[in-house]
Amino acid sequence: MENSRLYVGNLSYDTNDEGLKNHFSQCGEVKSASIIMNKMTGRSKGFGFVDMASAEDAKKAIETLNGQELDGRKLTVDEARPMNTDFQN
């Protein structure tokens, strides 16, 4: 694993950026944590991204936190994939 950016899915609507950051800090230094919000409703879309300080910390977070509960929901934690910028058909 060479990427330190993680995708976090199945988030509770009650989870906020700070809570997400605190939860992942048990696995190492967290550079940033952000939950993706619906622009129209201002409500969480139920997923977000966490940037760990190193690929080793990110690997540890996947192994430790995938399937673990946060705010009553079992998290899906995986390596984030690059955004698809190919909009051609």
PDB file of N, CA and C in Angstrom:
ATOM      1  N   MET A   1       0.851  -1.193   0.000  1.00  0.00           N
ATOM      2  CA  MET A   1       0.000   0.000   0.000  1.00  0.00           C
ATOM      3  C   MET A   1       0.888   1.244   0.000  1.00  0.00           C
ATOM      4  N   GLU A   2       0.665   2.120  -0.947  1.00  0.00           N
ATOM      5  CA  GLU A   2       1.486   3.325  -1.037  1.00  0.00           C
ATOM      6  C   GLU A   2       0.683   4.593  -0.780  1.00  0.00           C
ATOM      7  N   ASN A   3      -0.621   4.456  -0.701  1.00  0.00           N
ATOM      8  CA  ASN A   3      -1.500   5.603  -0.510  1.00  0.00           C
ATOM      9  C   ASN A   3      -1.834   5.765   0.967  1.00  0.00           C
ATOM     10  N   SER A   4      -1.864   6.988   1.458  1.00  0.00           N
ATOM     11  CA  SER A   4      -2.233   7.221   2.850  1.00  0.00           C
ATOM     12  C   SER A   4      -3.632   7.824   2.966  1.00  0.00           C
ATOM     13  N   ARG A   5      -4.357   7.893   1.849  1.00  0.00           N
ATOM     14  CA  ARG A   5      -5.725   8.421   1.844  1.00  0.00           C
ATOM     15  C   ARG A   5      -6.697   7.253   1.893  1.00  0.00           C
ATOM     16  N   LEU A   6      -7.653   7.334   2.817  1.00  0.00           N
ATOM     17  CA  LEU A   6      -8.602   6.251   3.022  1.00  0.00           C
ATOM     18  C   LEU A   6     -10.025   6.696   2.713  1.00  0.00           C
ATOM     19  N   TYR A   7     -10.788   5.771   2.150  1.00  0.00           N
ATOM     20  CA  TYR A   7     -12.229   5.937   1.969  1.00  0.00           C
ATOM     21  C   TYR A   7     -12.897   5.324   3.200  1.00  0.00           C
ATOM     22  N   VAL A   8     -13.851   6.036   3.773  1.00  0.00           N
ATOM     23  CA  VAL A   8     -14.598   5.526   4.921  1.00  0.00           C
ATOM     24  C   VAL A   8     -16.079   5.584   4.576  1.00  0.00           C
ATOM     25  N   GLY A   9     -16.718   4.416   4.519  1.00  0.00           N
ATOM     26  CA  GLY A   9     -18.130   4.339   4.161  1.00  0.00           C
ATOM     27  C   GLY A   9     -18.990   3.859   5.313  1.00  0.00           C
ATOM     28  N   ASN A  10     -20.304   3.943   5.112  1.00  0.00           N
ATOM     29  CA  ASN A  10     -21.320   3.526   6.074  1.00  0.00           C
ATOM     30  C   ASN A  10     -21.282   4.374   7.344  1.00  0.00           C
ATOM     31  N   LEU A  11     -20.990   5.667   7.185  1.00  0.00           N
ATOM     32  CA  LEU A  11     -20.952   6.572   8.332  1.00  0.00           C
ATOM     33  C   LEU A  11     -22.356   6.935   8.792  1.00  0.00           C
ATOM     34  N   SER A  12     -22.506   7.073  10.086  1.00  0.00           N
ATOM     35  CA  SER A  12     -23.752   7.543  10.664  1.00  0.00           C
ATOM     36  C   SER A  12     -23.937   9.023  10.314  1.00  0.00           C
ATOM     37  N   TYR A  13     -25.182   9.459  10.193  1.00  0.00           N
ATOM     38  CA  TYR A  13     -25.449  10.884   9.970  1.00  0.00           C
ATOM     39  C   TYR A  13     -25.031  11.712  11.184  1.00  0.00           C
ATOM     40  N   ASP A  14     -24.841  11.065  12.331  1.00  0.00           N
ATOM     41  CA  ASP A  14     -24.433  11.754  13.553  1.00  0.00           C
ATOM     42  C   ASP A  14     -22.928  11.980  13.633  1.00  0.00           C
ATOM     43  N   THR A  15     -22.153  11.308  12.795  1.00  0.00           N
ATOM     44  CA  THR A  15     -20.698  11.438  12.831  1.00  0.00           C
ATOM     45  C   THR A  15     -20.280  12.752  12.181  1.00  0.00           C
ATOM     46  N   ASN A  16     -19.337  13.447  12.831  1.00  0.00           N
ATOM     47  CA  ASN A  16     -18.804  14.680  12.246  1.00  0.00           C
ATOM     48  C   ASN A  16     -17.313  14.527  11.966  1.00  0.00           C
ATOM     49  N   ASP A  17     -16.711  15.528  11.333  1.00  0.00           N
ATOM     50  CA  ASP A  17     -15.299  15.458  10.948  1.00  0.00           C
ATOM     51  C   ASP A  17     -14.404  15.191  12.154  1.00  0.00           C
ATOM     52  N   GLU A  18     -14.654  15.884  13.246  1.00  0.00           N
ATOM     53  CA  GLU A  18     -13.815  15.755  14.443  1.00  0.00           C
ATOM     54  C   GLU A  18     -13.918  14.357  15.047  1.00  0.00           C
ATOM     55  N   GLY A  19     -15.132  13.812  15.091  1.00  0.00           N
ATOM     56  CA  GLY A  19     -15.325  12.465  15.608  1.00  0.00           C
ATOM     57  C   GLY A  19     -14.619  11.423  14.744  1.00  0.00           C
ATOM     58  N   LEU A  20     -14.670  11.625  13.440  1.00  0.00           N
ATOM     59  CA  LEU A  20     -13.989  10.723  12.507  1.00  0.00           C
ATOM     60  C   LEU A  20     -12.478  10.791  12.723  1.00  0.00           C
ATOM     61  N   LYS A  21     -11.956  12.002  12.847  1.00  0.00           N
ATOM     62  CA  LYS A  21     -10.522  12.191  13.070  1.00  0.00           C
ATOM     63  C   LYS A  21     -10.091  11.526  14.377  1.00  0.00           C
ATOM     64  N   ASN A  22     -10.845  11.734  15.435  1.00  0.00           N
ATOM     65  CA  ASN A  22     -10.514  11.143  16.728  1.00  0.00           C
ATOM     66  C   ASN A  22     -10.514   9.617  16.661  1.00  0.00           C
ATOM     67  N   HIS A  23     -11.488   9.052  15.963  1.00  0.00           N
ATOM     68  CA  HIS A  23     -11.594   7.595  15.857  1.00  0.00           C
ATOM     69  C   HIS A  23     -10.372   7.009  15.141  1.00  0.00           C
ATOM     70  N   PHE A  24      -9.914   7.668  14.087  1.00  0.00           N
ATOM     71  CA  PHE A  24      -8.786   7.153  13.304  1.00  0.00           C
ATOM     72  C   PHE A  24      -7.443   7.448  13.960  1.00  0.00           C
ATOM     73  N   SER A  25      -7.396   8.383  14.897  1.00  0.00           N
ATOM     74  CA  SER A  25      -6.128   8.731  15.537  1.00  0.00           C
ATOM     75  C   SER A  25      -5.570   7.594  16.389  1.00  0.00           C
ATOM     76  N   GLN A  26      -6.399   6.614  16.724  1.00  0.00           N
ATOM     77  CA  GLN A  26      -5.890   5.455  17.464  1.00  0.00           C
ATOM     78  C   GLN A  26      -4.941   4.606  16.625  1.00  0.00           C
ATOM     79  N   CYS A  27      -4.931   4.846  15.313  1.00  0.00           N
ATOM     80  CA  CYS A  27      -4.075   4.065  14.412  1.00  0.00           C
ATOM     81  C   CYS A  27      -2.857   4.848  13.934  1.00  0.00           C
ATOM     82  N   GLY A  28      -2.718   6.094  14.351  1.00  0.00           N
ATOM     83  CA  GLY A  28      -1.583   6.916  13.931  1.00  0.00           C
ATOM     84  C   GLY A  28      -2.011   8.354  13.737  1.00  0.00           C
ATOM     85  N   GLU A  29      -1.094   9.139  13.209  1.00  0.00           N
ATOM     86  CA  GLU A  29      -1.356  10.558  13.004  1.00  0.00           C
ATOM     87  C   GLU A  29      -2.323  10.774  11.842  1.00  0.00           C
ATOM     88  N   VAL A  30      -3.367  11.548  12.101  1.00  0.00           N
ATOM     89  CA  VAL A  30      -4.363  11.878  11.084  1.00  0.00           C
ATOM     90  C   VAL A  30      -4.090  13.296  10.589  1.00  0.00           C
ATOM     91  N   LYS A  31      -3.820  13.443   9.299  1.00  0.00           N
ATOM     92  CA  LYS A  31      -3.585  14.768   8.723  1.00  0.00           C
ATOM     93  C   LYS A  31      -4.893  15.507   8.507  1.00  0.00           C
ATOM     94  N   SER A  32      -5.928  14.790   8.047  1.00  0.00           N
ATOM     95  CA  SER A  32      -7.239  15.410   7.858  1.00  0.00           C
ATOM     96  C   SER A  32      -8.313  14.335   7.797  1.00  0.00           C
ATOM     97  N   ALA A  33      -9.515  14.750   8.130  1.00  0.00           N
ATOM     98  CA  ALA A  33     -10.680  13.868   8.041  1.00  0.00           C
ATOM     99  C   ALA A  33     -11.851  14.724   7.603  1.00  0.00           C
ATOM    100  N   SER A  34     -12.555  14.287   6.570  1.00  0.00           N
ATOM    101  CA  SER A  34     -13.697  15.068   6.094  1.00  0.00           C
ATOM    102  C   SER A  34     -14.818  14.159   5.623  1.00  0.00           C
ATOM    103  N   ILE A  35     -16.007  14.518   6.030  1.00  0.00           N
ATOM    104  CA  ILE A  35     -17.212  13.805   5.623  1.00  0.00           C
ATOM    105  C   ILE A  35     -17.812  14.561   4.446  1.00  0.00           C
ATOM    106  N   ILE A  36     -18.202  13.836   3.423  1.00  0.00           N
ATOM    107  CA  ILE A  36     -18.776  14.455   2.228  1.00  0.00           C
ATOM    108  C   ILE A  36     -20.242  14.804   2.517  1.00  0.00           C
ATOM    109  N   MET A  37     -20.583  16.060   2.252  1.00  0.00           N
ATOM    110  CA  MET A  37     -21.921  16.564   2.560  1.00  0.00           C
ATOM    111  C   MET A  37     -22.717  16.802   1.272  1.00  0.00           C
ATOM    112  N   ASN A  38     -24.025  16.582   1.361  1.00  0.00           N
ATOM    113  CA  ASN A  38     -24.939  16.887   0.267  1.00  0.00           C
ATOM    114  C   ASN A  38     -25.098  18.401   0.216  1.00  0.00           C
ATOM    115  N   LYS A  39     -24.777  19.005  -0.919  1.00  0.00           N
ATOM    116  CA  LYS A  39     -24.831  20.471  -1.035  1.00  0.00           C
ATOM    117  C   LYS A  39     -26.247  21.017  -0.914  1.00  0.00           C
ATOM    118  N   MET A  40     -27.233  20.232  -1.322  1.00  0.00           N
ATOM    119  CA  MET A  40     -28.617  20.700  -1.293  1.00  0.00           C
ATOM    120  C   MET A  40     -29.216  20.647   0.116  1.00  0.00           C
ATOM    121  N   THR A  41     -28.941  19.554   0.831  1.00  0.00           N
ATOM    122  CA  THR A  41     -29.569  19.362   2.140  1.00  0.00           C
ATOM    123  C   THR A  41     -28.648  19.704   3.308  1.00  0.00           C
ATOM    124  N   GLY A  42     -27.343  19.757   3.058  1.00  0.00           N
ATOM    125  CA  GLY A  42     -26.391  20.004   4.132  1.00  0.00           C
ATOM    126  C   GLY A  42     -26.187  18.788   5.028  1.00  0.00           C
ATOM    127  N   ARG A  43     -26.724  17.659   4.620  1.00  0.00           N
ATOM    128  CA  ARG A  43     -26.631  16.421   5.403  1.00  0.00           C
ATOM    129  C   ARG A  43     -25.515  15.529   4.848  1.00  0.00           C
ATOM    130  N   SER A  44     -24.937  14.726   5.721  1.00  0.00           N
ATOM    131  CA  SER A  44     -23.877  13.802   5.323  1.00  0.00           C
ATOM    132  C   SER A  44     -24.366  12.854   4.236  1.00  0.00           C
ATOM    133  N   LYS A  45     -23.473  12.509   3.317  1.00  0.00           N
ATOM    134  CA  LYS A  45     -23.787  11.499   2.305  1.00  0.00           C
ATOM    135  C   LYS A  45     -23.463  10.101   2.808  1.00  0.00           C
ATOM    136  N   GLY A  46     -22.920  10.007   4.039  1.00  0.00           N
ATOM    137  CA  GLY A  46     -22.648   8.704   4.635  1.00  0.00           C
ATOM    138  C   GLY A  46     -21.269   8.144   4.329  1.00  0.00           C
ATOM    139  N   PHE A  47     -20.407   8.980   3.747  1.00  0.00           N
ATOM    140  CA  PHE A  47     -19.028   8.544   3.513  1.00  0.00           C
ATOM    141  C   PHE A  47     -18.098   9.740   3.614  1.00  0.00           C
ATOM    142  N   GLY A  48     -16.812   9.433   3.734  1.00  0.00           N
ATOM    143  CA  GLY A  48     -15.826  10.500   3.841  1.00  0.00           C
ATOM    144  C   GLY A  48     -14.436   9.976   3.548  1.00  0.00           C
ATOM    145  N   PHE A  49     -13.458  10.827   3.795  1.00  0.00           N
ATOM    146  CA  PHE A  49     -12.066  10.488   3.524  1.00  0.00           C
ATOM    147  C   PHE A  49     -11.196  10.893   4.702  1.00  0.00           C
ATOM    148  N   VAL A  50     -10.206  10.051   4.977  1.00  0.00           N
ATOM    149  CA  VAL A  50      -9.246  10.324   6.039  1.00  0.00           C
ATOM    150  C   VAL A  50      -7.854  10.243   5.429  1.00  0.00           C
ATOM    151  N   ASP A  51      -7.044  11.268   5.678  1.00  0.00           N
ATOM    152  CA  ASP A  51      -5.649  11.264   5.240  1.00  0.00           C
ATOM    153  C   ASP A  51      -4.771  10.983   6.447  1.00  0.00           C
ATOM    154  N   MET A  52      -4.099   9.840   6.403  1.00  0.00           N
ATOM    155  CA  MET A  52      -3.177   9.465   7.464  1.00  0.00           C
ATOM    156  C   MET A  52      -1.793  10.022   7.130  1.00  0.00           C
ATOM    157  N   ALA A  53      -0.931  10.142   8.150  1.00  0.00           N
ATOM    158  CA  ALA A  53       0.401  10.717   7.951  1.00  0.00           C
ATOM    159  C   ALA A  53       1.310   9.818   7.128  1.00  0.00           C
ATOM    160  N   SER A  54       1.060   8.499   7.148  1.00  0.00           N
ATOM    161  CA  SER A  54       1.916   7.583   6.391  1.00  0.00           C
ATOM    162  C   SER A  54       1.095   6.419   5.851  1.00  0.00           C
ATOM    163  N   ALA A  55       1.655   5.745   4.863  1.00  0.00           N
ATOM    164  CA  ALA A  55       0.998   4.567   4.297  1.00  0.00           C
ATOM    165  C   ALA A  55       0.901   3.460   5.343  1.00  0.00           C
ATOM    166  N   GLU A  56       1.889   3.378   6.240  1.00  0.00           N
ATOM    167  CA  GLU A  56       1.858   2.365   7.301  1.00  0.00           C
ATOM    168  C   GLU A  56       0.672   2.605   8.242  1.00  0.00           C
ATOM    169  N   ASP A  57       0.451   3.874   8.614  1.00  0.00           N
ATOM    170  CA  ASP A  57      -0.689   4.213   9.472  1.00  0.00           C
ATOM    171  C   ASP A  57      -2.007   3.895   8.772  1.00  0.00           C
ATOM    172  N   ALA A  58      -2.057   4.165   7.469  1.00  0.00           N
ATOM    173  CA  ALA A  58      -3.270   3.894   6.694  1.00  0.00           C
ATOM    174  C   ALA A  58      -3.556   2.389   6.661  1.00  0.00           C
ATOM    175  N   LYS A  59      -2.520   1.593   6.453  1.00  0.00           N
ATOM    176  CA  LYS A  59      -2.676   0.130   6.438  1.00  0.00           C
ATOM    177  C   LYS A  59      -3.176  -0.360   7.795  1.00  0.00           C
ATOM    178  N   LYS A  60      -2.607   0.179   8.855  1.00  0.00           N
ATOM    179  CA  LYS A  60      -3.029  -0.199  10.209  1.00  0.00           C
ATOM    180  C   LYS A  60      -4.496   0.173  10.433  1.00  0.00           C
ATOM    181  N   ALA A  61      -4.900   1.343   9.940  1.00  0.00           N
ATOM    182  CA  ALA A  61      -6.287   1.795  10.105  1.00  0.00           C
ATOM    183  C   ALA A  61      -7.251   0.861   9.374  1.00  0.00           C
ATOM    184  N   ILE A  62      -6.891   0.418   8.185  1.00  0.00           N
ATOM    185  CA  ILE A  62      -7.750  -0.511   7.441  1.00  0.00           C
ATOM    186  C   ILE A  62      -7.896  -1.808   8.223  1.00  0.00           C
ATOM    187  N   GLU A  63      -6.754  -2.342   8.671  1.00  0.00           N
ATOM    188  CA  GLU A  63      -6.779  -3.612   9.400  1.00  0.00           C
ATOM    189  C   GLU A  63      -7.533  -3.513  10.721  1.00  0.00           C
ATOM    190  N   THR A  64      -7.422  -2.373  11.400  1.00  0.00           N
ATOM    191  CA  THR A  64      -8.014  -2.204  12.729  1.00  0.00           C
ATOM    192  C   THR A  64      -9.467  -1.757  12.687  1.00  0.00           C
ATOM    193  N   LEU A  65      -9.791  -0.821  11.800  1.00  0.00           N
ATOM    194  CA  LEU A  65     -11.089  -0.147  11.872  1.00  0.00           C
ATOM    195  C   LEU A  65     -12.135  -0.643  10.885  1.00  0.00           C
ATOM    196  N   ASN A  66     -11.739  -1.374   9.840  1.00  0.00           N
ATOM    197  CA  ASN A  66     -12.726  -1.891   8.899  1.00  0.00           C
ATOM    198  C   ASN A  66     -13.652  -2.864   9.639  1.00  0.00           C
ATOM    199  N   GLY A  67     -14.936  -2.584   9.629  1.00  0.00           N
ATOM    200  CA  GLY A  67     -15.910  -3.418  10.321  1.00  0.00           C
ATOM    201  C   GLY A  67     -16.159  -3.016  11.768  1.00  0.00           C
ATOM    202  N   GLN A  68     -15.369  -2.072  12.282  1.00  0.00           N
ATOM    203  CA  GLN A  68     -15.555  -1.603  13.659  1.00  0.00           C
ATOM    204  C   GLN A  68     -16.669  -0.547  13.698  1.00  0.00           C
ATOM    205  N   GLU A  69     -17.409  -0.519  14.804  1.00  0.00           N
ATOM    206  CA  GLU A  69     -18.516   0.428  14.927  1.00  0.00           C
ATOM    207  C   GLU A  69     -18.046   1.827  15.320  1.00  0.00           C
ATOM    208  N   LEU A  70     -18.708   2.815  14.737  1.00  0.00           N
ATOM    209  CA  LEU A  70     -18.572   4.218  15.120  1.00  0.00           C
ATOM    210  C   LEU A  70     -19.965   4.811  15.068  1.00  0.00           C
ATOM    211  N   ASP A  71     -20.419   5.344  16.181  1.00  0.00           N
ATOM    212  CA  ASP A  71     -21.765   5.940  16.270  1.00  0.00           C
ATOM    213  C   ASP A  71     -22.854   4.972  15.796  1.00  0.00           C
ATOM    214  N   GLY A  72     -22.683   3.688  16.153  1.00  0.00           N
ATOM    215  CA  GLY A  72     -23.709   2.688  15.868  1.00  0.00           C
ATOM    216  C   GLY A  72     -23.695   2.084  14.478  1.00  0.00           C
ATOM    217  N   ARG A  73     -22.693   2.410  13.665  1.00  0.00           N
ATOM    218  CA  ARG A  73     -22.607   1.861  12.299  1.00  0.00           C
ATOM    219  C   ARG A  73     -21.267   1.176  12.112  1.00  0.00           C
ATOM    220  N   LYS A  74     -21.270   0.026  11.420  1.00  0.00           N
ATOM    221  CA  LYS A  74     -20.017  -0.674  11.119  1.00  0.00           C
ATOM    222  C   LYS A  74     -19.361  -0.027   9.910  1.00  0.00           C
ATOM    223  N   LEU A  75     -18.159   0.494  10.118  1.00  0.00           N
ATOM    224  CA  LEU A  75     -17.453   1.227   9.072  1.00  0.00           C
ATOM    225  C   LEU A  75     -16.910   0.313   7.978  1.00  0.00           C
ATOM    226  N   THR A  76     -16.870   0.857   6.785  1.00  0.00           N
ATOM    227  CA  THR A  76     -16.154   0.262   5.667  1.00  0.00           C
ATOM    228  C   THR A  76     -14.932   1.148   5.449  1.00  0.00           C
ATOM    229  N   VAL A  77     -13.745   0.592   5.633  1.00  0.00           N
ATOM    230  CA  VAL A  77     -12.508   1.365   5.485  1.00  0.00           C
ATOM    231  C   VAL A  77     -11.651   0.695   4.423  1.00  0.00           C
ATOM    232  N   ASP A  78     -11.237   1.473   3.433  1.00  0.00           N
ATOM    233  CA  ASP A  78     -10.425   0.935   2.348  1.00  0.00           C
ATOM    234  C   ASP A  78      -9.544   2.046   1.787  1.00  0.00           C
ATOM    235  N   GLU A  79      -8.557   1.652   1.020  1.00  0.00           N
ATOM    236  CA  GLU A  79      -7.700   2.620   0.350  1.00  0.00           C
ATOM    237  C   GLU A  79      -8.549   3.416  -0.641  1.00  0.00           C
ATOM    238  N   ALA A  80      -8.413   4.730  -0.603  1.00  0.00           N
ATOM    239  CA  ALA A  80      -9.172   5.578  -1.525  1.00  0.00           C
ATOM    240  C   ALA A  80      -8.614   5.416  -2.930  1.00  0.00           C
ATOM    241  N   ARG A  81      -9.508   5.341  -3.886  1.00  0.00           N
ATOM    242  CA  ARG A  81      -9.092   5.257  -5.290  1.00  0.00           C
ATOM    243  C   ARG A  81      -9.031   6.667  -5.864  1.00  0.00           C
ATOM    244  N   PRO A  82      -8.162   6.893  -6.834  1.00  0.00           N
ATOM    245  CA  PRO A  82      -8.096   8.218  -7.467  1.00  0.00           C
ATOM    246  C   PRO A  82      -9.432   8.560  -8.117  1.00  0.00           C
ATOM    247  N   MET A  83      -9.744   9.843  -8.118  1.00  0.00           N
ATOM    248  CA  MET A  83     -10.976  10.275  -8.785  1.00  0.00           C
ATOM    249  C   MET A  83     -10.867   9.992 -10.276  1.00  0.00           C
ATOM    250  N   ASN A  84     -11.976   9.548 -10.860  1.00  0.00           N
ATOM    251  CA  ASN A  84     -12.021   9.293 -12.289  1.00  0.00           C
ATOM    252  C   ASN A  84     -12.265  10.626 -12.996  1.00  0.00           C
ATOM    253  N   THR A  85     -11.266  11.098 -13.708  1.00  0.00           N
ATOM    254  CA  THR A  85     -11.402  12.376 -14.405  1.00  0.00           C
ATOM    255  C   THR A  85     -11.646  12.175 -15.898  1.00  0.00           C
ATOM    256  N   ASP A  86     -11.879  10.919 -16.302  1.00  0.00           N
ATOM    257  CA  ASP A  86     -12.132  10.613 -17.710  1.00  0.00           C
ATOM    258  C   ASP A  86     -13.642  10.682 -17.956  1.00  0.00           C
ATOM    259  N   PHE A  87     -14.085  11.819 -18.474  1.00  0.00           N
ATOM    260  CA  PHE A  87     -15.526  12.015 -18.692  1.00  0.00           C
ATOM    261  C   PHE A  87     -15.963  11.692 -20.114  1.00  0.00           C
ATOM    262  N   GLN A  88     -15.053  11.128 -20.903  1.00  0.00           N
ATOM    263  CA  GLN A  88     -15.406  10.782 -22.278  1.00  0.00           C
ATOM    264  C   GLN A  88     -16.109   9.436 -22.307  1.00  0.00           C
ATOM    265  N   ASN A  89     -17.034   9.269 -23.246  1.00  0.00           N
ATOM    266  CA  ASN A  89     -17.740   7.992 -23.401  1.00  0.00           C
ATOM    267  C   ASN A  89     -17.058   7.116 -24.391  1.00  0.00           C
TER     268      ASN A  89
END
